[in-house]
C-alpha atoms as a PDB file:
ATOM      1  CA  MET A   1       0.872  14.716  11.156  1.00  0.00           C
ATOM      2  CA  LYS A   2       2.084  10.999  10.863  1.00  0.00           C
ATOM      3  CA  GLU A   3       3.014   9.895   7.610  1.00  0.00           C
ATOM      4  CA  ARG A   4       0.926   7.190   6.320  1.00  0.00           C
ATOM      5  CA  ASN A   5       0.290   5.072   3.008  1.00  0.00           C
ATOM      6  CA  ASN A   6      -2.929   6.131   1.456  1.00  0.00           C
ATOM      7  CA  LEU A   7      -2.665   3.541  -1.562  1.00  0.00           C
ATOM      8  CA  TYR A   8      -5.621   1.079  -1.742  1.00  0.00           C
ATOM      9  CA  PRO A   9      -4.510  -2.498  -2.594  1.00  0.00           C
ATOM     10  CA  ILE A  10      -6.314  -4.511  -5.006  1.00  0.00           C
ATOM     11  CA  PHE A  11      -5.911  -8.022  -6.808  1.00  0.00           C
ATOM     12  CA  LEU A  12      -6.236  -7.800 -10.466  1.00  0.00           C
ATOM     13  CA  LYS A  13      -7.441 -10.722 -12.849  1.00  0.00           C
ATOM     14  CA  THR A  14      -4.649  -9.889 -15.150  1.00  0.00           C
ATOM     15  CA  SER A  15      -5.719 -12.670 -17.580  1.00  0.00           C
ATOM     16  CA  ASN A  16      -8.847 -10.659 -18.121  1.00  0.00           C
ATOM     17  CA  LEU A  17      -6.931  -7.357 -18.715  1.00  0.00           C
ATOM     18  CA  SER A  18      -4.623  -6.250 -21.400  1.00  0.00           C
ATOM     19  CA  ILE A  19      -1.408  -4.855 -20.290  1.00  0.00           C
ATOM     20  CA  LEU A  20       1.267  -3.146 -22.342  1.00  0.00           C
ATOM     21  CA  ILE A  21       5.116  -2.752 -21.281  1.00  0.00           C
ATOM     22  CA  VAL A  22       6.847  -0.254 -23.178  1.00  0.00           C
ATOM     23  CA  GLY A  23      10.727  -0.992 -23.335  1.00  0.00           C
ATOM     24  CA  GLY A  24      12.542  -4.174 -23.886  1.00  0.00           C
ATOM     25  CA  GLY A  25      15.435  -3.924 -21.774  1.00  0.00           C
ATOM     26  CA  ASN A  26      16.717  -4.675 -18.085  1.00  0.00           C
ATOM     27  CA  VAL A  27      13.924  -2.719 -16.414  1.00  0.00           C
ATOM     28  CA  ALA A  28      11.222  -4.257 -18.995  1.00  0.00           C
ATOM     29  CA  GLU A  29      12.597  -7.798 -18.029  1.00  0.00           C
ATOM     30  CA  GLU A  30      12.329  -6.801 -14.101  1.00  0.00           C
ATOM     31  CA  LYS A  31       8.938  -5.876 -14.557  1.00  0.00           C
ATOM     32  CA  LEU A  32       7.678  -8.927 -16.747  1.00  0.00           C
ATOM     33  CA  THR A  33       9.526 -10.881 -14.262  1.00  0.00           C
ATOM     34  CA  PHE A  34       7.629  -9.421 -11.337  1.00  0.00           C
ATOM     35  CA  LEU A  35       4.351  -9.623 -13.306  1.00  0.00           C
ATOM     36  CA  THR A  36       4.601 -13.103 -14.489  1.00  0.00           C
ATOM     37  CA  LYS A  37       5.854 -14.744 -11.253  1.00  0.00           C
ATOM     38  CA  SER A  38       2.730 -13.410  -9.541  1.00  0.00           C
ATOM     39  CA  SER A  39       0.330 -13.817 -12.622  1.00  0.00           C
ATOM     40  CA  PRO A  40       1.810 -16.508 -15.075  1.00  0.00           C
ATOM     41  CA  ASP A  41      -1.296 -16.034 -17.105  1.00  0.00           C
ATOM     42  CA  ALA A  42      -1.235 -12.195 -17.493  1.00  0.00           C
ATOM     43  CA  ASN A  43      -2.144 -10.939 -20.842  1.00  0.00           C
ATOM     44  CA  VAL A  44       0.967  -8.927 -21.897  1.00  0.00           C
ATOM     45  CA  MET A  45       2.000  -7.253 -25.018  1.00  0.00           C
ATOM     46  CA  MET A  46       5.490  -5.293 -25.390  1.00  0.00           C
ATOM     47  CA  VAL A  47       6.528  -2.699 -27.729  1.00  0.00           C
ATOM     48  CA  SER A  48      10.346  -1.871 -28.077  1.00  0.00           C
ATOM     49  CA  PRO A  49      12.634  -1.382 -31.128  1.00  0.00           C
ATOM     50  CA  GLU A  50      14.808  -4.074 -29.366  1.00  0.00           C
ATOM     51  CA  TYR A  51      14.712  -6.875 -26.591  1.00  0.00           C
ATOM     52  CA  GLY A  52      17.385  -8.193 -24.194  1.00  0.00           C
ATOM     53  CA  LYS A  53      18.053 -12.073 -24.404  1.00  0.00           C
ATOM     54  CA  GLY A  54      16.354 -12.539 -20.679  1.00  0.00           C
ATOM     55  CA  THR A  55      13.094 -10.509 -22.002  1.00  0.00           C
ATOM     56  CA  LEU A  56      12.667 -12.568 -25.106  1.00  0.00           C
ATOM     57  CA  GLU A  57      13.182 -15.670 -23.132  1.00  0.00           C
ATOM     58  CA  LEU A  58      10.765 -14.678 -20.565  1.00  0.00           C
ATOM     59  CA  ALA A  59       8.106 -13.404 -23.332  1.00  0.00           C
ATOM     60  CA  GLN A  60       8.481 -16.602 -25.208  1.00  0.00           C
ATOM     61  CA  LYS A  61       7.753 -18.838 -21.917  1.00  0.00           C
ATOM     62  CA  TYR A  62       4.640 -16.653 -20.880  1.00  0.00           C
ATOM     63  CA  ASN A  63       3.125 -16.090 -24.405  1.00  0.00           C
ATOM     64  CA  VAL A  64       3.939 -12.413 -24.333  1.00  0.00           C
ATOM     65  CA  GLN A  65       3.180 -10.590 -27.716  1.00  0.00           C
ATOM     66  CA  LEU A  66       6.413  -8.842 -28.837  1.00  0.00           C
ATOM     67  CA  ILE A  67       6.153  -5.658 -31.251  1.00  0.00           C
ATOM     68  CA  THR A  68       9.385  -4.619 -32.613  1.00  0.00           C
ATOM     69  CA  ASP A  69       8.838  -0.913 -33.138  1.00  0.00           C
ATOM     70  CA  VAL A  70       9.246   2.663 -31.127  1.00  0.00           C
ATOM     71  CA  TYR A  71       6.423   3.533 -28.925  1.00  0.00           C
ATOM     72  CA  GLU A  72       3.528   5.054 -30.587  1.00  0.00           C
ATOM     73  CA  LYS A  73       0.021   6.200 -29.076  1.00  0.00           C
ATOM     74  CA  MET A  74      -1.766   3.751 -30.881  1.00  0.00           C
ATOM     75  CA  TYR A  75      -0.223   0.724 -28.803  1.00  0.00           C
ATOM     76  CA  LEU A  76      -2.540   2.008 -26.136  1.00  0.00           C
ATOM     77  CA  LYS A  77      -5.755   0.916 -27.786  1.00  0.00           C
ATOM     78  CA  GLY A  78      -7.484  -1.576 -25.502  1.00  0.00           C
ATOM     79  CA  LYS A  79      -5.071  -1.581 -23.052  1.00  0.00           C
ATOM     80  CA  HIS A  80      -5.884  -1.232 -19.493  1.00  0.00           C
ATOM     81  CA  MET A  81      -2.531  -1.115 -17.927  1.00  0.00           C
ATOM     82  CA  VAL A  82       0.784   0.483 -19.282  1.00  0.00           C
ATOM     83  CA  ILE A  83       4.357  -0.045 -17.575  1.00  0.00           C
ATOM     84  CA  ALA A  84       6.943   2.358 -19.160  1.00  0.00           C
ATOM     85  CA  THR A  85      10.396   1.162 -18.895  1.00  0.00           C
ATOM     86  CA  THR A  86      12.494   2.744 -21.635  1.00  0.00           C
ATOM     87  CA  ASP A  87      15.810   4.307 -20.808  1.00  0.00           C
ATOM     88  CA  LYS A  88      14.724   7.649 -22.457  1.00  0.00           C
ATOM     89  CA  PRO A  89      12.905   9.788 -19.880  1.00  0.00           C
ATOM     90  CA  GLU A  90      10.991  11.799 -22.661  1.00  0.00           C
ATOM     91  CA  VAL A  91       9.443   8.611 -23.883  1.00  0.00           C
ATOM     92  CA  ASN A  92       8.369   7.397 -20.617  1.00  0.00           C
ATOM     93  CA  VAL A  93       6.715  10.954 -20.042  1.00  0.00           C
ATOM     94  CA  GLN A  94       4.825  10.816 -23.289  1.00  0.00           C
ATOM     95  CA  VAL A  95       3.586   7.483 -22.226  1.00  0.00           C
ATOM     96  CA  TYR A  96       2.394   8.821 -18.894  1.00  0.00           C
ATOM     97  CA  GLU A  97       0.757  11.630 -20.674  1.00  0.00           C
ATOM     98  CA  ASP A  98      -0.633   9.620 -23.251  1.00  0.00           C
ATOM     99  CA  CYS A  99      -2.313   7.260 -20.677  1.00  0.00           C
ATOM    100  CA  ARG A 100      -3.548  10.112 -18.575  1.00  0.00           C
ATOM    101  CA  ALA A 101      -5.378  11.378 -21.547  1.00  0.00           C
ATOM    102  CA  LEU A 102      -6.976   8.213 -22.332  1.00  0.00           C
ATOM    103  CA  ASP A 103      -7.765   7.184 -18.658  1.00  0.00           C
ATOM    104  CA  LYS A 104      -5.342   4.347 -18.688  1.00  0.00           C
ATOM    105  CA  LEU A 105      -3.316   3.097 -15.488  1.00  0.00           C
ATOM    106  CA  VAL A 106       0.030   3.820 -15.805  1.00  0.00           C
ATOM    107  CA  ASN A 107       3.578   3.095 -13.905  1.00  0.00           C
ATOM    108  CA  VAL A 108       6.578   4.810 -15.068  1.00  0.00           C
ATOM    109  CA  ALA A 109       9.436   2.571 -13.674  1.00  0.00           C
ATOM    110  CA  ASP A 110      11.512   4.242 -10.781  1.00  0.00           C
ATOM    111  CA  ASN A 111       9.350   7.604 -11.152  1.00  0.00           C
ATOM    112  CA  PRO A 112       6.893   7.888  -8.510  1.00  0.00           C
ATOM    113  CA  PRO A 113       5.360  11.014  -9.562  1.00  0.00           C
ATOM    114  CA  TYR A 114       4.401   9.447 -12.840  1.00  0.00           C
ATOM    115  CA  CYS A 115       2.790   6.277 -11.317  1.00  0.00           C
ATOM    116  CA  ASP A 116      -0.961   5.646 -10.929  1.00  0.00           C
ATOM    117  CA  PHE A 117       0.078   2.170  -9.062  1.00  0.00           C
ATOM    118  CA  TYR A 118       3.277   0.446  -7.801  1.00  0.00           C
ATOM    119  CA  MET A 119       4.315  -3.048  -8.072  1.00  0.00           C
ATOM    120  CA  GLY A 120       4.999  -4.073  -4.555  1.00  0.00           C
ATOM    121  CA  GLY A 121       6.406  -7.108  -2.948  1.00  0.00           C
ATOM    122  CA  ILE A 122       4.169 -10.226  -3.096  1.00  0.00           C
ATOM    123  CA  VAL A 123       4.046 -13.523  -1.055  1.00  0.00           C
ATOM    124  CA  THR A 124       1.940 -16.198  -2.649  1.00  0.00           C
ATOM    125  CA  LYS A 125       1.280 -19.680  -1.081  1.00  0.00           C
ATOM    126  CA  GLY A 126      -1.484 -21.628  -2.836  1.00  0.00           C
ATOM    127  CA  ASN A 127      -4.614 -19.420  -2.722  1.00  0.00           C
ATOM    128  CA  VAL A 128      -3.253 -17.043  -0.052  1.00  0.00           C
ATOM    129  CA  LYS A 129      -1.455 -13.855  -1.500  1.00  0.00           C
ATOM    130  CA  ILE A 130      -0.094 -10.924   0.443  1.00  0.00           C
ATOM    131  CA  ALA A 131       0.875  -7.639  -0.991  1.00  0.00           C
ATOM    132  CA  ILE A 132       3.578  -5.381   0.507  1.00  0.00           C
ATOM    133  CA  SER A 133       3.792  -1.721  -0.237  1.00  0.00           C
ATOM    134  CA  THR A 134       6.250   0.858   1.075  1.00  0.00           C
ATOM    135  CA  ASN A 135       4.272   3.879  -0.899  1.00  0.00           C
ATOM    136  CA  GLY A 136       7.066   3.685  -3.442  1.00  0.00           C
ATOM    137  CA  LYS A 137       9.798   4.717  -0.706  1.00  0.00           C
ATOM    138  CA  SER A 138      11.936   1.820  -0.349  1.00  0.00           C
ATOM    139  CA  PRO A 139      11.520  -1.457  -2.749  1.00  0.00           C
ATOM    140  CA  THR A 140      14.377  -2.933  -0.781  1.00  0.00           C
ATOM    141  CA  THR A 141      12.087  -2.829   2.516  1.00  0.00           C
ATOM    142  CA  ALA A 142       9.454  -4.476   0.686  1.00  0.00           C
ATOM    143  CA  LYS A 143      11.794  -7.240  -0.592  1.00  0.00           C
ATOM    144  CA  ARG A 144      12.925  -7.947   2.825  1.00  0.00           C
ATOM    145  CA  LEU A 145       9.391  -8.161   4.352  1.00  0.00           C
ATOM    146  CA  ARG A 146       8.392 -10.457   1.326  1.00  0.00           C
ATOM    147  CA  GLN A 147      11.333 -12.633   2.477  1.00  0.00           C
ATOM    148  CA  PHE A 148      10.221 -12.470   6.107  1.00  0.00           C
ATOM    149  CA  PHE A 149       6.616 -13.548   5.064  1.00  0.00           C
ATOM    150  CA  GLU A 150       7.670 -16.205   2.939  1.00  0.00           C
ATOM    151  CA  GLU A 151       9.444 -17.653   5.944  1.00  0.00           C
ATOM    152  CA  VAL A 152       7.046 -17.302   8.715  1.00  0.00           C
ATOM    153  CA  ILE A 153       3.667 -18.431   6.615  1.00  0.00           C
ATOM    154  CA  PRO A 154       3.424 -22.071   6.914  1.00  0.00           C
ATOM    155  CA  GLU A 155       3.497 -24.145   3.808  1.00  0.00           C
ATOM    156  CA  ASP A 156       0.166 -25.848   4.550  1.00  0.00           C
ATOM    157  CA  ILE A 157      -1.660 -22.596   4.732  1.00  0.00           C
ATOM    158  CA  ASN A 158      -3.592 -23.454   1.552  1.00  0.00           C
ATOM    159  CA  GLN A 159      -4.975 -26.627   2.926  1.00  0.00           C
ATOM    160  CA  MET A 160      -6.255 -24.754   5.921  1.00  0.00           C
ATOM    161  CA  VAL A 161      -7.871 -22.237   3.478  1.00  0.00           C
ATOM    162  CA  LEU A 162      -9.576 -24.876   1.576  1.00  0.00           C
ATOM    163  CA  ASN A 163     -10.950 -26.505   4.587  1.00  0.00           C
ATOM    164  CA  LEU A 164     -12.370 -23.065   5.841  1.00  0.00           C
ATOM    165  CA  ASN A 165     -13.838 -22.476   2.443  1.00  0.00           C
ATOM    166  CA  ALA A 166     -15.737 -26.233   2.503  1.00  0.00           C
ATOM    167  CA  PHE A 167     -16.891 -25.478   6.143  1.00  0.00           C
ATOM    168  CA  ARG A 168     -18.084 -22.110   5.300  1.00  0.00           C
ATOM    169  CA  LYS A 169     -20.143 -23.765   2.457  1.00  0.00           C
ATOM    170  CA  THR A 170     -22.021 -25.999   4.874  1.00  0.00           C
ATOM    171  CA  LEU A 171     -23.150 -23.081   7.137  1.00  0.00           C
ATOM    172  CA  LYS A 172     -26.752 -22.026   7.206  1.00  0.00           C
ATOM    173  CA  GLY A 173     -28.602 -18.727   8.260  1.00  0.00           C
ATOM    174  CA  ASN A 174     -27.925 -15.387   7.057  1.00  0.00           C
ATOM    175  CA  PHE A 175     -24.703 -13.574   6.277  1.00  0.00           C
ATOM    176  CA  GLU A 176     -24.220 -12.085   9.811  1.00  0.00           C
ATOM    177  CA  GLN A 177     -24.704 -15.427  11.180  1.00  0.00           C
ATOM    178  CA  LYS A 178     -22.074 -16.837   8.811  1.00  0.00           C
ATOM    179  CA  VAL A 179     -19.615 -14.306   9.700  1.00  0.00           C
ATOM    180  CA  GLU A 180     -19.904 -14.585  13.381  1.00  0.00           C
ATOM    181  CA  LYS A 181     -19.625 -18.583  13.118  1.00  0.00           C
ATOM    182  CA  MET A 182     -16.381 -18.087  10.835  1.00  0.00           C
ATOM    183  CA  ASN A 183     -14.959 -15.531  13.344  1.00  0.00           C
ATOM    184  CA  GLU A 184     -15.512 -18.169  15.990  1.00  0.00           C
ATOM    185  CA  VAL A 185     -13.819 -21.084  14.299  1.00  0.00           C
ATOM    186  CA  THR A 186     -10.780 -18.778  13.221  1.00  0.00           C
ATOM    187  CA  LYS A 187     -10.319 -16.905  16.281  1.00  0.00           C
ATOM    188  CA  SER A 188      -7.915 -19.663  17.496  1.00  0.00           C
ATOM    189  CA  LEU A 189      -5.485 -18.843  14.632  1.00  0.00           C
ATOM    190  CA  LEU A 190      -4.622 -15.494  16.390  1.00  0.00           C
ATOM    191  CA  PRO A 191      -2.347 -15.635  19.564  1.00  0.00           C
ATOM    192  CA  THR A 192      -3.984 -14.138  22.490  1.00  0.00           C
ATOM    193  CA  LYS A 193      -2.264 -11.482  24.798  1.00  0.00           C
ATOM    194  CA  GLU A 194      -1.809 -14.400  27.248  1.00  0.00           C
ATOM    195  CA  LYS A 195       0.002 -16.562  24.683  1.00  0.00           C
ATOM    196  CA  ILE A 196       2.235 -13.667  23.613  1.00  0.00           C
ATOM    197  CA  ASP A 197       3.253 -12.931  27.095  1.00  0.00           C
ATOM    198  CA  GLU A 198       4.320 -16.369  27.811  1.00  0.00           C
END
């Protein structure tokens, strides 16, 4: 049987959620960078006995709440998502087990069996956002695909999205009729087989 990616992609309103990052070193900085680049208004708390300089700078820039302490289960209270990034495997596994017991979504950095979700490659151009996943197999491939899409997606795509949204609001009729009209209007965005063969 052919291998496939069964992950379900979703786009989270991270300003409405409470996210905990356990750890304050290089991996924590990488995860915080990824999160705040895509969602600068994310609601984030970090807990760690110490923090790297880069992590502290990012935390200040993005209004991240910093707790200087070792991980304790009590820090999971009210959290929706948790990312464990410590250099102590036993702490990361404890975070995972505590999250499972409390039905919290958890990601243990660089440890796919201990992840409910992965943080893939993301391309953002205005209102358009594309998420890329390699099923946790190759972050480097996700990175290269992100770079590719950043190059090929036109900078003015956001204006097109805004124009189509304004047009959609003028349409009359039921849902199916509106979908049919929008499909007709946007059909020219995709190349036909004839165009590809030219």
